[in-house]
Amino acid sequence: MKIMDKKNWGKPIDETLSTELKELTDMTDVINVSIKHGISSSLLKQVRNRRTSMTENSAPAVQELIKKADKKCELLQKQIRKSKNTLKKYLE
């Protein structure tokens, strides 16, 4: 599902995407992205939570929120690798 595909506008975002966005973004992310894109934070939160459909106007903000979630995921992966290495040292 490409967010910027017009065929996806007028529908809620995918459930799996919504779950990931809720886990990997917080209200600070939602507020910052909504300010940047000139939409209300409550609208972006509703789109993220599948309470309202995505529109042409909200799609760029959703796309940026996905990028923020992806970045956070990468940071978490690095942190997990570092923690695993630390723990392995204590088990050897």
Protein backbone atom coordinates (compact mmCIF):
# COMPACT_ATOMS: atom_id res chain seq x y z
CA MET A 1 0.00 0.00 0.00
CA LYS A 2 1.66 3.18 -1.18
CA ILE A 3 0.43 6.07 0.95
CA MET A 4 0.63 8.59 -1.88
CA ASP A 5 -1.44 6.37 -4.21
CA LYS A 6 -4.70 8.20 -4.87
CA LYS A 7 -6.60 4.91 -4.73
CA ASN A 8 -5.85 4.74 -0.98
CA TRP A 9 -7.32 8.14 -0.21
CA GLY A 10 -10.79 8.12 1.25
CA LYS A 11 -10.06 4.94 3.23
CA PRO A 12 -8.55 4.27 6.64
CA ILE A 13 -4.90 3.22 6.61
CA ASP A 14 -4.06 -0.47 6.87
CA GLU A 15 -4.53 -2.02 10.34
CA THR A 16 -0.96 -3.30 10.46
CA LEU A 17 0.40 0.12 9.55
CA SER A 18 -1.79 1.72 12.20
CA THR A 19 -0.47 -0.66 14.85
CA GLU A 20 3.14 0.02 13.89
CA LEU A 21 2.61 3.79 13.87
CA LYS A 22 0.95 3.69 17.28
CA GLU A 23 3.85 1.67 18.70
CA LEU A 24 6.66 3.67 17.09
CA THR A 25 5.38 7.27 17.19
CA ASP A 26 4.13 9.40 20.04
CA MET A 27 2.07 12.57 20.33
CA THR A 28 5.19 14.74 20.00
CA ASP A 29 5.81 13.16 16.59
CA VAL A 30 2.17 13.64 15.61
CA ILE A 31 2.18 17.28 16.71
CA ASN A 32 5.47 18.12 14.97
CA VAL A 33 4.43 16.46 11.72
CA SER A 34 0.99 18.05 11.76
CA ILE A 35 2.47 21.52 12.29
CA LYS A 36 4.90 21.00 9.42
CA HIS A 37 2.12 19.90 7.07
CA GLY A 38 -0.50 22.40 8.21
CA ILE A 39 -3.09 19.93 9.44
CA SER A 40 -4.49 19.50 12.93
CA SER A 41 -2.76 17.08 15.25
CA SER A 42 -6.12 15.57 16.16
CA LEU A 43 -6.77 14.78 12.49
CA LEU A 44 -3.39 13.10 12.08
CA LYS A 45 -3.91 11.13 15.28
CA GLN A 46 -7.34 10.01 14.03
CA VAL A 47 -5.86 8.90 10.71
CA ARG A 48 -3.04 7.07 12.54
CA ASN A 49 -5.61 5.32 14.75
CA ARG A 50 -7.95 4.48 11.82
CA ARG A 51 -10.77 6.62 13.18
CA THR A 52 -10.95 8.65 9.98
CA SER A 53 -9.95 8.11 6.37
CA MET A 54 -6.76 9.36 4.82
CA THR A 55 -7.14 12.20 2.34
CA GLU A 56 -4.95 13.89 -0.23
CA ASN A 57 -4.30 16.57 2.39
CA SER A 58 -3.27 14.14 5.17
CA ALA A 59 -1.30 11.66 3.03
CA PRO A 60 2.01 13.61 3.06
CA ALA A 61 1.81 13.88 6.87
CA VAL A 62 1.14 10.14 7.18
CA GLN A 63 4.09 9.48 4.89
CA GLU A 64 6.35 11.56 7.13
CA LEU A 65 5.01 9.81 10.23
CA ILE A 66 5.93 6.48 8.60
CA LYS A 67 9.47 7.79 8.02
CA LYS A 68 9.71 8.81 11.70
CA ALA A 69 8.51 5.36 12.77
CA ASP A 70 11.05 3.72 10.46
CA LYS A 71 13.86 5.82 11.93
CA LYS A 72 12.81 4.93 15.47
CA CYS A 73 12.71 1.26 14.49
CA GLU A 74 16.28 1.48 13.22
CA LEU A 75 17.40 3.13 16.48
CA LEU A 76 15.67 0.42 18.51
CA GLN A 77 17.36 -2.30 16.45
CA LYS A 78 20.78 -0.75 17.15
CA GLN A 79 19.97 -0.51 20.84
CA ILE A 80 18.86 -4.14 20.94
CA ARG A 81 22.06 -5.31 19.19
CA LYS A 82 24.17 -3.37 21.67
CA SER A 83 22.23 -4.78 24.62
CA LYS A 84 22.54 -8.34 23.30
CA ASN A 85 26.29 -7.95 22.96
CA THR A 86 26.55 -6.59 26.47
CA LEU A 87 24.50 -9.45 27.89
CA LYS A 88 26.53 -12.06 25.97
CA LYS A 89 29.68 -10.81 27.67
CA TYR A 90 28.18 -11.68 31.04
CA LEU A 91 27.16 -15.15 29.89
CA GLU A 92 30.52 -16.18 28.46
